[in-house]
Amino acid sequence: MLVGKELLEKSKLLSNKSEDEIARGCGYVGPSGRVLRKSFYRALIEAKGYKLSNSGAGRAGNRSSRGRQAEFKTKVHGNGNLLIGHAYTKKLGLEPGQEYKIDLKKDSKIISLTPLN
C-alpha cells in the first residue's frame, strides 16, 4: 500500500479511473480482493498533510477502532468444520499459501500445526 508522496503521485496518474480502480492501483486491496476504501481515503488525507486522530471519533456508538478481537475460542460448525479465523493466523504470522501438517492428540484433544518447509 502506497503512502505519502508515492500515493499522491500514483493516484494522480490514475485520476481518470474510478475510485475503486485508483485504490486498487495504489495497493489498497484486502486478502479477499475487497477494496479497502476507508484505509485508502485515510492515507490520502494524511498524504495531503492533515493529521487524523485514531480515537474512533465519529463512529457509530462506542465501538473500538481496533475491530474484532481474538477470543481464543471457537466451535465446531454443523458441517463438522472447525474455523480458525484471521485474527489467530495473523497473531501467529501465518501467510496465505503456507502449508502445515496437522497433528492431533486425541487423548488431550490438542491440535498443533507443523510447517511443511
PDB file of N, CA and C in Angstrom:
ATOM      1  N   MET A   1       0.837  -1.177   0.000  1.00  0.00           N
ATOM      2  CA  MET A   1       0.000   0.000   0.000  1.00  0.00           C
ATOM      3  C   MET A   1       0.882   1.239   0.000  1.00  0.00           C
ATOM      4  N   LEU A   2       0.623   2.074  -0.959  1.00  0.00           N
ATOM      5  CA  LEU A   2       1.405   3.300  -1.066  1.00  0.00           C
ATOM      6  C   LEU A   2       0.952   4.322  -0.029  1.00  0.00           C
ATOM      7  N   VAL A   3       1.870   5.142   0.419  1.00  0.00           N
ATOM      8  CA  VAL A   3       1.572   6.219   1.367  1.00  0.00           C
ATOM      9  C   VAL A   3       2.349   7.459   0.954  1.00  0.00           C
ATOM     10  N   GLY A   4       1.954   8.575   1.528  1.00  0.00           N
ATOM     11  CA  GLY A   4       2.691   9.821   1.343  1.00  0.00           C
ATOM     12  C   GLY A   4       2.764  10.277  -0.102  1.00  0.00           C
ATOM     13  N   LYS A   5       3.942  10.748  -0.468  1.00  0.00           N
ATOM     14  CA  LYS A   5       4.173  11.319  -1.789  1.00  0.00           C
ATOM     15  C   LYS A   5       3.897  10.305  -2.903  1.00  0.00           C
ATOM     16  N   GLU A   6       4.308   9.037  -2.683  1.00  0.00           N
ATOM     17  CA  GLU A   6       4.091   8.000  -3.693  1.00  0.00           C
ATOM     18  C   GLU A   6       2.600   7.777  -3.940  1.00  0.00           C
ATOM     19  N   LEU A   7       1.803   7.804  -2.880  1.00  0.00           N
ATOM     20  CA  LEU A   7       0.351   7.643  -3.001  1.00  0.00           C
ATOM     21  C   LEU A   7      -0.255   8.789  -3.804  1.00  0.00           C
ATOM     22  N   LEU A   8       0.156  10.005  -3.499  1.00  0.00           N
ATOM     23  CA  LEU A   8      -0.371  11.163  -4.223  1.00  0.00           C
ATOM     24  C   LEU A   8      -0.006  11.114  -5.705  1.00  0.00           C
ATOM     25  N   GLU A   9       1.236  10.734  -5.990  1.00  0.00           N
ATOM     26  CA  GLU A   9       1.683  10.671  -7.385  1.00  0.00           C
ATOM     27  C   GLU A   9       0.932   9.597  -8.163  1.00  0.00           C
ATOM     28  N   LYS A  10       0.820   8.408  -7.579  1.00  0.00           N
ATOM     29  CA  LYS A  10       0.142   7.297  -8.256  1.00  0.00           C
ATOM     30  C   LYS A  10      -1.344   7.592  -8.438  1.00  0.00           C
ATOM     31  N   SER A  11      -1.986   8.148  -7.412  1.00  0.00           N
ATOM     32  CA  SER A  11      -3.415   8.448  -7.531  1.00  0.00           C
ATOM     33  C   SER A  11      -3.650   9.543  -8.578  1.00  0.00           C
ATOM     34  N   LYS A  12      -2.703  10.454  -8.719  1.00  0.00           N
ATOM     35  CA  LYS A  12      -2.826  11.494  -9.748  1.00  0.00           C
ATOM     36  C   LYS A  12      -2.708  10.872 -11.142  1.00  0.00           C
ATOM     37  N   LEU A  13      -1.781   9.911 -11.296  1.00  0.00           N
ATOM     38  CA  LEU A  13      -1.635   9.219 -12.583  1.00  0.00           C
ATOM     39  C   LEU A  13      -2.903   8.450 -12.961  1.00  0.00           C
ATOM     40  N   LEU A  14      -3.611   7.937 -11.969  1.00  0.00           N
ATOM     41  CA  LEU A  14      -4.813   7.125 -12.201  1.00  0.00           C
ATOM     42  C   LEU A  14      -6.101   7.943 -12.094  1.00  0.00           C
ATOM     43  N   SER A  15      -5.987   9.256 -12.086  1.00  0.00           N
ATOM     44  CA  SER A  15      -7.148  10.111 -11.819  1.00  0.00           C
ATOM     45  C   SER A  15      -8.275   9.977 -12.837  1.00  0.00           C
ATOM     46  N   ASN A  16      -8.003   9.395 -13.999  1.00  0.00           N
ATOM     47  CA  ASN A  16      -9.052   9.189 -14.993  1.00  0.00           C
ATOM     48  C   ASN A  16      -9.813   7.878 -14.765  1.00  0.00           C
ATOM     49  N   LYS A  17      -9.444   7.131 -13.732  1.00  0.00           N
ATOM     50  CA  LYS A  17     -10.090   5.855 -13.400  1.00  0.00           C
ATOM     51  C   LYS A  17     -11.123   6.067 -12.299  1.00  0.00           C
ATOM     52  N   SER A  18     -11.879   5.004 -12.004  1.00  0.00           N
ATOM     53  CA  SER A  18     -12.855   5.073 -10.909  1.00  0.00           C
ATOM     54  C   SER A  18     -12.120   5.067  -9.566  1.00  0.00           C
ATOM     55  N   GLU A  19     -12.819   5.439  -8.505  1.00  0.00           N
ATOM     56  CA  GLU A  19     -12.206   5.474  -7.173  1.00  0.00           C
ATOM     57  C   GLU A  19     -11.683   4.095  -6.777  1.00  0.00           C
ATOM     58  N   ASP A  20     -12.471   3.051  -7.054  1.00  0.00           N
ATOM     59  CA  ASP A  20     -12.027   1.696  -6.714  1.00  0.00           C
ATOM     60  C   ASP A  20     -10.776   1.305  -7.496  1.00  0.00           C
ATOM     61  N   GLU A  21     -10.710   1.669  -8.771  1.00  0.00           N
ATOM     62  CA  GLU A  21      -9.537   1.344  -9.578  1.00  0.00           C
ATOM     63  C   GLU A  21      -8.297   2.095  -9.085  1.00  0.00           C
ATOM     64  N   ILE A  22      -8.487   3.321  -8.630  1.00  0.00           N
ATOM     65  CA  ILE A  22      -7.362   4.086  -8.081  1.00  0.00           C
ATOM     66  C   ILE A  22      -6.871   3.416  -6.794  1.00  0.00           C
ATOM     67  N   ALA A  23      -7.806   3.063  -5.918  1.00  0.00           N
ATOM     68  CA  ALA A  23      -7.429   2.410  -4.660  1.00  0.00           C
ATOM     69  C   ALA A  23      -6.705   1.096  -4.938  1.00  0.00           C
ATOM     70  N   ARG A  24      -7.222   0.308  -5.876  1.00  0.00           N
ATOM     71  CA  ARG A  24      -6.557  -0.959  -6.243  1.00  0.00           C
ATOM     72  C   ARG A  24      -5.156  -0.692  -6.783  1.00  0.00           C
ATOM     73  N   GLY A  25      -5.036   0.294  -7.657  1.00  0.00           N
ATOM     74  CA  GLY A  25      -3.750   0.629  -8.258  1.00  0.00           C
ATOM     75  C   GLY A  25      -2.719   1.085  -7.244  1.00  0.00           C
ATOM     76  N   CYS A  26      -3.198   1.602  -6.113  1.00  0.00           N
ATOM     77  CA  CYS A  26      -2.298   2.056  -5.050  1.00  0.00           C
ATOM     78  C   CYS A  26      -2.080   0.979  -3.986  1.00  0.00           C
ATOM     79  N   GLY A  27      -2.672  -0.206  -4.205  1.00  0.00           N
ATOM     80  CA  GLY A  27      -2.420  -1.334  -3.313  1.00  0.00           C
ATOM     81  C   GLY A  27      -3.397  -1.498  -2.172  1.00  0.00           C
ATOM     82  N   TYR A  28      -4.498  -0.782  -2.175  1.00  0.00           N
ATOM     83  CA  TYR A  28      -5.459  -0.854  -1.073  1.00  0.00           C
ATOM     84  C   TYR A  28      -6.509  -1.933  -1.345  1.00  0.00           C
ATOM     85  N   VAL A  29      -6.031  -3.189  -1.275  1.00  0.00           N
ATOM     86  CA  VAL A  29      -6.869  -4.359  -1.508  1.00  0.00           C
ATOM     87  C   VAL A  29      -6.613  -5.346  -0.376  1.00  0.00           C
ATOM     88  N   GLY A  30      -7.691  -5.872   0.203  1.00  0.00           N
ATOM     89  CA  GLY A  30      -7.568  -6.841   1.281  1.00  0.00           C
ATOM     90  C   GLY A  30      -7.254  -8.227   0.752  1.00  0.00           C
ATOM     91  N   PRO A  31      -7.002  -9.185   1.654  1.00  0.00           N
ATOM     92  CA  PRO A  31      -6.661 -10.558   1.261  1.00  0.00           C
ATOM     93  C   PRO A  31      -7.750 -11.226   0.419  1.00  0.00           C
ATOM     94  N   SER A  32      -9.003 -10.817   0.609  1.00  0.00           N
ATOM     95  CA  SER A  32     -10.103 -11.418  -0.147  1.00  0.00           C
ATOM     96  C   SER A  32     -10.314 -10.727  -1.488  1.00  0.00           C
ATOM     97  N   GLY A  33      -9.564  -9.671  -1.769  1.00  0.00           N
ATOM     98  CA  GLY A  33      -9.720  -8.932  -3.012  1.00  0.00           C
ATOM     99  C   GLY A  33     -10.621  -7.716  -2.881  1.00  0.00           C
ATOM    100  N   ARG A  34     -11.139  -7.484  -1.696  1.00  0.00           N
ATOM    101  CA  ARG A  34     -12.033  -6.347  -1.450  1.00  0.00           C
ATOM    102  C   ARG A  34     -11.212  -5.061  -1.362  1.00  0.00           C
ATOM    103  N   VAL A  35     -11.738  -3.992  -1.965  1.00  0.00           N
ATOM    104  CA  VAL A  35     -11.059  -2.687  -1.921  1.00  0.00           C
ATOM    105  C   VAL A  35     -11.194  -2.108  -0.515  1.00  0.00           C
ATOM    106  N   LEU A  36     -10.087  -1.656   0.050  1.00  0.00           N
ATOM    107  CA  LEU A  36     -10.055  -1.085   1.399  1.00  0.00           C
ATOM    108  C   LEU A  36     -10.220   0.432   1.286  1.00  0.00           C
ATOM    109  N   ARG A  37     -11.456   0.856   1.044  1.00  0.00           N
ATOM    110  CA  ARG A  37     -11.731   2.272   0.784  1.00  0.00           C
ATOM    111  C   ARG A  37     -11.358   3.170   1.959  1.00  0.00           C
ATOM    112  N   LYS A  38     -11.768   2.796   3.155  1.00  0.00           N
ATOM    113  CA  LYS A  38     -11.514   3.656   4.316  1.00  0.00           C
ATOM    114  C   LYS A  38     -10.013   3.857   4.511  1.00  0.00           C
ATOM    115  N   SER A  39      -9.241   2.784   4.420  1.00  0.00           N
ATOM    116  CA  SER A  39      -7.787   2.896   4.565  1.00  0.00           C
ATOM    117  C   SER A  39      -7.198   3.774   3.471  1.00  0.00           C
ATOM    118  N   PHE A  40      -7.716   3.614   2.262  1.00  0.00           N
ATOM    119  CA  PHE A  40      -7.241   4.410   1.135  1.00  0.00           C
ATOM    120  C   PHE A  40      -7.523   5.893   1.357  1.00  0.00           C
ATOM    121  N   TYR A  41      -8.761   6.222   1.737  1.00  0.00           N
ATOM    122  CA  TYR A  41      -9.122   7.623   1.954  1.00  0.00           C
ATOM    123  C   TYR A  41      -8.338   8.232   3.108  1.00  0.00           C
ATOM    124  N   ARG A  42      -8.159   7.472   4.186  1.00  0.00           N
ATOM    125  CA  ARG A  42      -7.375   7.975   5.331  1.00  0.00           C
ATOM    126  C   ARG A  42      -5.933   8.253   4.902  1.00  0.00           C
ATOM    127  N   ALA A  43      -5.365   7.331   4.119  1.00  0.00           N
ATOM    128  CA  ALA A  43      -3.986   7.512   3.663  1.00  0.00           C
ATOM    129  C   ALA A  43      -3.873   8.741   2.754  1.00  0.00           C
ATOM    130  N   LEU A  44      -4.877   8.970   1.905  1.00  0.00           N
ATOM    131  CA  LEU A  44      -4.870  10.162   1.049  1.00  0.00           C
ATOM    132  C   LEU A  44      -4.909  11.437   1.878  1.00  0.00           C
ATOM    133  N   ILE A  45      -5.783  11.454   2.878  1.00  0.00           N
ATOM    134  CA  ILE A  45      -5.915  12.634   3.743  1.00  0.00           C
ATOM    135  C   ILE A  45      -4.597  12.907   4.463  1.00  0.00           C
ATOM    136  N   GLU A  46      -3.974  11.854   4.994  1.00  0.00           N
ATOM    137  CA  GLU A  46      -2.696  12.018   5.694  1.00  0.00           C
ATOM    138  C   GLU A  46      -1.594  12.446   4.729  1.00  0.00           C
ATOM    139  N   ALA A  47      -1.636  11.917   3.492  1.00  0.00           N
ATOM    140  CA  ALA A  47      -0.630  12.295   2.495  1.00  0.00           C
ATOM    141  C   ALA A  47      -0.741  13.770   2.129  1.00  0.00           C
ATOM    142  N   LYS A  48      -1.937  14.318   2.239  1.00  0.00           N
ATOM    143  CA  LYS A  48      -2.156  15.742   1.961  1.00  0.00           C
ATOM    144  C   LYS A  48      -1.670  16.625   3.108  1.00  0.00           C
ATOM    145  N   GLY A  49      -1.272  16.006   4.235  1.00  0.00           N
ATOM    146  CA  GLY A  49      -0.723  16.775   5.340  1.00  0.00           C
ATOM    147  C   GLY A  49      -1.645  16.964   6.524  1.00  0.00           C
ATOM    148  N   TYR A  50      -2.834  16.388   6.466  1.00  0.00           N
ATOM    149  CA  TYR A  50      -3.768  16.506   7.593  1.00  0.00           C
ATOM    150  C   TYR A  50      -3.498  15.393   8.596  1.00  0.00           C
ATOM    151  N   LYS A  51      -3.576  15.735   9.867  1.00  0.00           N
ATOM    152  CA  LYS A  51      -3.388  14.751  10.931  1.00  0.00           C
ATOM    153  C   LYS A  51      -4.745  14.195  11.325  1.00  0.00           C
ATOM    154  N   LEU A  52      -4.848  12.878  11.364  1.00  0.00           N
ATOM    155  CA  LEU A  52      -6.088  12.224  11.774  1.00  0.00           C
ATOM    156  C   LEU A  52      -5.877  11.569  13.130  1.00  0.00           C
ATOM    157  N   SER A  53      -6.876  11.695  13.979  1.00  0.00           N
ATOM    158  CA  SER A  53      -6.774  11.022  15.275  1.00  0.00           C
ATOM    159  C   SER A  53      -7.215   9.586  15.103  1.00  0.00           C
ATOM    160  N   ASN A  54      -6.712   8.709  15.932  1.00  0.00           N
ATOM    161  CA  ASN A  54      -7.104   7.299  15.917  1.00  0.00           C
ATOM    162  C   ASN A  54      -8.116   7.000  17.003  1.00  0.00           C
ATOM    163  N   SER A  55      -8.784   8.032  17.487  1.00  0.00           N
ATOM    164  CA  SER A  55      -9.699   7.858  18.618  1.00  0.00           C
ATOM    165  C   SER A  55     -10.993   7.187  18.240  1.00  0.00           C
ATOM    166  N   GLY A  56     -11.314   7.094  16.948  1.00  0.00           N
ATOM    167  CA  GLY A  56     -12.566   6.495  16.525  1.00  0.00           C
ATOM    168  C   GLY A  56     -13.720   7.468  16.609  1.00  0.00           C
ATOM    169  N   ALA A  57     -13.430   8.764  16.760  1.00  0.00           N
ATOM    170  CA  ALA A  57     -14.487   9.769  16.824  1.00  0.00           C
ATOM    171  C   ALA A  57     -15.286   9.736  15.537  1.00  0.00           C
ATOM    172  N   GLY A  58     -16.592   9.887  15.679  1.00  0.00           N
ATOM    173  CA  GLY A  58     -17.448   9.862  14.516  1.00  0.00           C
ATOM    174  C   GLY A  58     -17.969   8.487  14.189  1.00  0.00           C
ATOM    175  N   ARG A  59     -17.528   7.488  14.890  1.00  0.00           N
ATOM    176  CA  ARG A  59     -18.030   6.136  14.657  1.00  0.00           C
ATOM    177  C   ARG A  59     -19.384   5.984  15.332  1.00  0.00           C
ATOM    178  N   ALA A  60     -20.158   5.057  14.846  1.00  0.00           N
ATOM    179  CA  ALA A  60     -21.469   4.791  15.448  1.00  0.00           C
ATOM    180  C   ALA A  60     -21.280   4.169  16.817  1.00  0.00           C
ATOM    181  N   GLY A  61     -22.007   4.661  17.771  1.00  0.00           N
ATOM    182  CA  GLY A  61     -21.935   4.076  19.112  1.00  0.00           C
ATOM    183  C   GLY A  61     -20.589   4.290  19.766  1.00  0.00           C
ATOM    184  N   ASN A  62     -20.194   3.326  20.578  1.00  0.00           N
ATOM    185  CA  ASN A  62     -18.942   3.421  21.325  1.00  0.00           C
ATOM    186  C   ASN A  62     -18.003   2.291  20.923  1.00  0.00           C
ATOM    187  N   ARG A  63     -18.024   1.918  19.637  1.00  0.00           N
ATOM    188  CA  ARG A  63     -17.214   0.798  19.173  1.00  0.00           C
ATOM    189  C   ARG A  63     -15.736   1.167  19.151  1.00  0.00           C
ATOM    190  N   SER A  64     -14.902   0.188  19.375  1.00  0.00           N
ATOM    191  CA  SER A  64     -13.462   0.386  19.305  1.00  0.00           C
ATOM    192  C   SER A  64     -13.029   0.431  17.848  1.00  0.00           C
ATOM    193  N   SER A  65     -11.994   1.193  17.533  1.00  0.00           N
ATOM    194  CA  SER A  65     -11.496   1.260  16.163  1.00  0.00           C
ATOM    195  C   SER A  65     -10.576   0.087  15.859  1.00  0.00           C
ATOM    196  N   ARG A  66     -10.351  -0.798  16.814  1.00  0.00           N
ATOM    197  CA  ARG A  66      -9.454  -1.930  16.600  1.00  0.00           C
ATOM    198  C   ARG A  66     -10.134  -3.097  15.914  1.00  0.00           C
ATOM    199  N   GLY A  67     -11.437  -3.085  15.729  1.00  0.00           N
ATOM    200  CA  GLY A  67     -12.121  -4.190  15.070  1.00  0.00           C
ATOM    201  C   GLY A  67     -12.341  -5.355  16.016  1.00  0.00           C
ATOM    202  N   ARG A  68     -12.661  -6.504  15.430  1.00  0.00           N
ATOM    203  CA  ARG A  68     -12.914  -7.689  16.245  1.00  0.00           C
ATOM    204  C   ARG A  68     -11.620  -8.186  16.855  1.00  0.00           C
ATOM    205  N   GLN A  69     -11.705  -8.636  18.087  1.00  0.00           N
ATOM    206  CA  GLN A  69     -10.538  -9.142  18.790  1.00  0.00           C
ATOM    207  C   GLN A  69     -10.640 -10.649  18.945  1.00  0.00           C
ATOM    208  N   ALA A  70      -9.502 -11.311  18.963  1.00  0.00           N
ATOM    209  CA  ALA A  70      -9.473 -12.760  19.132  1.00  0.00           C
ATOM    210  C   ALA A  70      -9.986 -13.126  20.519  1.00  0.00           C
ATOM    211  N   GLU A  71     -10.916 -14.072  20.569  1.00  0.00           N
ATOM    212  CA  GLU A  71     -11.475 -14.523  21.847  1.00  0.00           C
ATOM    213  C   GLU A  71     -10.791 -15.779  22.342  1.00  0.00           C
ATOM    214  N   PHE A  72      -9.977 -16.400  21.496  1.00  0.00           N
ATOM    215  CA  PHE A  72      -9.290 -17.648  21.794  1.00  0.00           C
ATOM    216  C   PHE A  72     -10.262 -18.766  22.140  1.00  0.00           C
ATOM    217  N   LYS A  73     -11.367 -18.787  21.406  1.00  0.00           N
ATOM    218  CA  LYS A  73     -12.296 -19.905  21.488  1.00  0.00           C
ATOM    219  C   LYS A  73     -13.003 -20.023  20.152  1.00  0.00           C
ATOM    220  N   THR A  74     -13.453 -21.216  19.832  1.00  0.00           N
ATOM    221  CA  THR A  74     -14.172 -21.468  18.598  1.00  0.00           C
ATOM    222  C   THR A  74     -15.095 -22.642  18.841  1.00  0.00           C
ATOM    223  N   LYS A  75     -15.910 -22.987  17.854  1.00  0.00           N
ATOM    224  CA  LYS A  75     -16.785 -24.140  17.995  1.00  0.00           C
ATOM    225  C   LYS A  75     -16.821 -24.895  16.682  1.00  0.00           C
ATOM    226  N   VAL A  76     -17.169 -26.155  16.757  1.00  0.00           N
ATOM    227  CA  VAL A  76     -17.298 -26.978  15.570  1.00  0.00           C
ATOM    228  C   VAL A  76     -18.629 -26.619  14.914  1.00  0.00           C
ATOM    229  N   HIS A  77     -18.585 -26.304  13.623  1.00  0.00           N
ATOM    230  CA  HIS A  77     -19.786 -25.923  12.891  1.00  0.00           C
ATOM    231  C   HIS A  77     -20.637 -27.156  12.589  1.00  0.00           C
ATOM    232  N   GLY A  78     -21.882 -26.926  12.184  1.00  0.00           N
ATOM    233  CA  GLY A  78     -22.809 -28.012  11.889  1.00  0.00           C
ATOM    234  C   GLY A  78     -22.320 -28.953  10.804  1.00  0.00           C
ATOM    235  N   ASN A  79     -21.484 -28.450   9.899  1.00  0.00           N
ATOM    236  CA  ASN A  79     -20.947 -29.295   8.823  1.00  0.00           C
ATOM    237  C   ASN A  79     -19.671 -30.027   9.235  1.00  0.00           C
ATOM    238  N   GLY A  80     -19.273 -29.863  10.498  1.00  0.00           N
ATOM    239  CA  GLY A  80     -18.074 -30.544  11.002  1.00  0.00           C
ATOM    240  C   GLY A  80     -16.796 -29.741  10.872  1.00  0.00           C
ATOM    241  N   ASN A  81     -16.856 -28.574  10.274  1.00  0.00           N
ATOM    242  CA  ASN A  81     -15.653 -27.750  10.105  1.00  0.00           C
ATOM    243  C   ASN A  81     -15.315 -27.009  11.392  1.00  0.00           C
ATOM    244  N   LEU A  82     -14.038 -26.808  11.585  1.00  0.00           N
ATOM    245  CA  LEU A  82     -13.530 -26.025  12.703  1.00  0.00           C
ATOM    246  C   LEU A  82     -12.780 -24.841  12.089  1.00  0.00           C
ATOM    247  N   LEU A  83     -13.294 -23.642  12.288  1.00  0.00           N
ATOM    248  CA  LEU A  83     -12.729 -22.448  11.661  1.00  0.00           C
ATOM    249  C   LEU A  83     -11.740 -21.774  12.596  1.00  0.00           C
ATOM    250  N   ILE A  84     -10.566 -21.457  12.044  1.00  0.00           N
ATOM    251  CA  ILE A  84      -9.577 -20.657  12.765  1.00  0.00           C
ATOM    252  C   ILE A  84      -9.475 -19.366  11.977  1.00  0.00           C
ATOM    253  N   GLY A  85      -9.903 -18.269  12.549  1.00  0.00           N
ATOM    254  CA  GLY A  85     -10.036 -17.015  11.827  1.00  0.00           C
ATOM    255  C   GLY A  85      -8.751 -16.245  11.618  1.00  0.00           C
ATOM    256  N   HIS A  86      -8.914 -15.142  10.902  1.00  0.00           N
ATOM    257  CA  HIS A  86      -7.797 -14.268  10.519  1.00  0.00           C
ATOM    258  C   HIS A  86      -7.043 -13.718  11.733  1.00  0.00           C
ATOM    259  N   ALA A  87      -7.762 -13.390  12.809  1.00  0.00           N
ATOM    260  CA  ALA A  87      -7.100 -12.815  13.985  1.00  0.00           C
ATOM    261  C   ALA A  87      -6.037 -13.771  14.531  1.00  0.00           C
ATOM    262  N   TYR A  88      -6.329 -15.066  14.478  1.00  0.00           N
ATOM    263  CA  TYR A  88      -5.390 -16.056  15.013  1.00  0.00           C
ATOM    264  C   TYR A  88      -4.230 -16.298  14.054  1.00  0.00           C
ATOM    265  N   THR A  89      -4.533 -16.417  12.760  1.00  0.00           N
ATOM    266  CA  THR A  89      -3.446 -16.642  11.806  1.00  0.00           C
ATOM    267  C   THR A  89      -2.525 -15.431  11.745  1.00  0.00           C
ATOM    268  N   LYS A  90      -3.097 -14.236  11.916  1.00  0.00           N
ATOM    269  CA  LYS A  90      -2.276 -13.021  11.942  1.00  0.00           C
ATOM    270  C   LYS A  90      -1.364 -13.009  13.167  1.00  0.00           C
ATOM    271  N   LYS A  91      -1.927 -13.367  14.328  1.00  0.00           N
ATOM    272  CA  LYS A  91      -1.118 -13.413  15.559  1.00  0.00           C
ATOM    273  C   LYS A  91       0.053 -14.385  15.424  1.00  0.00           C
ATOM    274  N   LEU A  92      -0.160 -15.481  14.689  1.00  0.00           N
ATOM    275  CA  LEU A  92       0.888 -16.482  14.501  1.00  0.00           C
ATOM    276  C   LEU A  92       1.829 -16.151  13.351  1.00  0.00           C
ATOM    277  N   GLY A  93       1.492 -15.115  12.581  1.00  0.00           N
ATOM    278  CA  GLY A  93       2.333 -14.745  11.448  1.00  0.00           C
ATOM    279  C   GLY A  93       2.185 -15.688  10.268  1.00  0.00           C
ATOM    280  N   LEU A  94       1.037 -16.385  10.156  1.00  0.00           N
ATOM    281  CA  LEU A  94       0.810 -17.308   9.047  1.00  0.00           C
ATOM    282  C   LEU A  94       0.421 -16.519   7.804  1.00  0.00           C
ATOM    283  N   GLU A  95       0.949 -16.913   6.665  1.00  0.00           N
ATOM    284  CA  GLU A  95       0.698 -16.233   5.401  1.00  0.00           C
ATOM    285  C   GLU A  95      -0.113 -17.133   4.481  1.00  0.00           C
ATOM    286  N   PRO A  96      -0.941 -16.529   3.615  1.00  0.00           N
ATOM    287  CA  PRO A  96      -1.689 -17.331   2.649  1.00  0.00           C
ATOM    288  C   PRO A  96      -0.747 -18.170   1.788  1.00  0.00           C
ATOM    289  N   GLY A  97      -1.109 -19.419   1.574  1.00  0.00           N
ATOM    290  CA  GLY A  97      -0.303 -20.319   0.757  1.00  0.00           C
ATOM    291  C   GLY A  97       0.676 -21.172   1.536  1.00  0.00           C
ATOM    292  N   GLN A  98       0.961 -20.813   2.793  1.00  0.00           N
ATOM    293  CA  GLN A  98       1.858 -21.642   3.595  1.00  0.00           C
ATOM    294  C   GLN A  98       1.164 -22.971   3.884  1.00  0.00           C
ATOM    295  N   GLU A  99       1.945 -24.050   3.945  1.00  0.00           N
ATOM    296  CA  GLU A  99       1.383 -25.368   4.192  1.00  0.00           C
ATOM    297  C   GLU A  99       1.860 -25.905   5.532  1.00  0.00           C
ATOM    298  N   TYR A 100       0.956 -26.622   6.219  1.00  0.00           N
ATOM    299  CA  TYR A 100       1.233 -27.166   7.547  1.00  0.00           C
ATOM    300  C   TYR A 100       0.721 -28.583   7.652  1.00  0.00           C
ATOM    301  N   LYS A 101       1.389 -29.370   8.466  1.00  0.00           N
ATOM    302  CA  LYS A 101       0.910 -30.698   8.825  1.00  0.00           C
ATOM    303  C   LYS A 101       0.087 -30.526  10.091  1.00  0.00           C
ATOM    304  N   ILE A 102      -1.082 -31.144  10.127  1.00  0.00           N
ATOM    305  CA  ILE A 102      -1.950 -31.063  11.300  1.00  0.00           C
ATOM    306  C   ILE A 102      -1.691 -32.288  12.157  1.00  0.00           C
ATOM    307  N   ASP A 103      -1.250 -32.066  13.394  1.00  0.00           N
ATOM    308  CA  ASP A 103      -1.019 -33.154  14.348  1.00  0.00           C
ATOM    309  C   ASP A 103      -2.151 -33.155  15.359  1.00  0.00           C
ATOM    310  N   LEU A 104      -2.746 -34.329  15.560  1.00  0.00           N
ATOM    311  CA  LEU A 104      -3.854 -34.468  16.507  1.00  0.00           C
ATOM    312  C   LEU A 104      -3.435 -35.349  17.671  1.00  0.00           C
ATOM    313  N   LYS A 105      -3.725 -34.902  18.874  1.00  0.00           N
ATOM    314  CA  LYS A 105      -3.509 -35.709  20.078  1.00  0.00           C
ATOM    315  C   LYS A 105      -4.890 -35.960  20.669  1.00  0.00           C
ATOM    316  N   LYS A 106      -5.447 -37.136  20.352  1.00  0.00           N
ATOM    317  CA  LYS A 106      -6.829 -37.434  20.711  1.00  0.00           C
ATOM    318  C   LYS A 106      -7.069 -37.431  22.215  1.00  0.00           C
ATOM    319  N   ASP A 107      -6.140 -37.978  22.982  1.00  0.00           N
ATOM    320  CA  ASP A 107      -6.354 -38.085  24.432  1.00  0.00           C
ATOM    321  C   ASP A 107      -6.473 -36.709  25.098  1.00  0.00           C
ATOM    322  N   SER A 108      -5.654 -35.745  24.683  1.00  0.00           N
ATOM    323  CA  SER A 108      -5.706 -34.414  25.283  1.00  0.00           C
ATOM    324  C   SER A 108      -6.475 -33.414  24.413  1.00  0.00           C
ATOM    325  N   LYS A 109      -6.941 -33.868  23.229  1.00  0.00           N
ATOM    326  CA  LYS A 109      -7.687 -33.021  22.288  1.00  0.00           C
ATOM    327  C   LYS A 109      -6.907 -31.762  21.895  1.00  0.00           C
ATOM    328  N   ILE A 110      -5.630 -31.951  21.608  1.00  0.00           N
ATOM    329  CA  ILE A 110      -4.759 -30.849  21.199  1.00  0.00           C
ATOM    330  C   ILE A 110      -4.506 -30.961  19.699  1.00  0.00           C
ATOM    331  N   ILE A 111      -4.657 -29.846  19.005  1.00  0.00           N
ATOM    332  CA  ILE A 111      -4.356 -29.748  17.573  1.00  0.00           C
ATOM    333  C   ILE A 111      -3.136 -28.849  17.444  1.00  0.00           C
ATOM    334  N   SER A 112      -2.125 -29.324  16.722  1.00  0.00           N
ATOM    335  CA  SER A 112      -0.949 -28.479  16.500  1.00  0.00           C
ATOM    336  C   SER A 112      -0.609 -28.459  15.023  1.00  0.00           C
ATOM    337  N   LEU A 113       0.016 -27.377  14.586  1.00  0.00           N
ATOM    338  CA  LEU A 113       0.418 -27.205  13.191  1.00  0.00           C
ATOM    339  C   LEU A 113       1.940 -27.230  13.107  1.00  0.00           C
ATOM    340  N   THR A 114       2.454 -27.998  12.164  1.00  0.00           N
ATOM    341  CA  THR A 114       3.894 -28.077  11.924  1.00  0.00           C
ATOM    342  C   THR A 114       4.161 -27.630  10.485  1.00  0.00           C
ATOM    343  N   PRO A 115       5.007 -26.602  10.288  1.00  0.00           N
ATOM    344  CA  PRO A 115       5.289 -26.147   8.920  1.00  0.00           C
ATOM    345  C   PRO A 115       5.880 -27.266   8.080  1.00  0.00           C
ATOM    346  N   LEU A 116       5.503 -27.318   6.791  1.00  0.00           N
ATOM    347  CA  LEU A 116       5.997 -28.361   5.889  1.00  0.00           C
ATOM    348  C   LEU A 116       7.264 -27.944   5.144  1.00  0.00           C
ATOM    349  N   ASN A 117       7.816 -26.793   5.425  1.00  0.00           N
ATOM    350  CA  ASN A 117       9.018 -26.335   4.718  1.00  0.00           C
ATOM    351  C   ASN A 117      10.241 -26.969   5.301  1.00  0.00           C
TER     352      ASN A 117
END
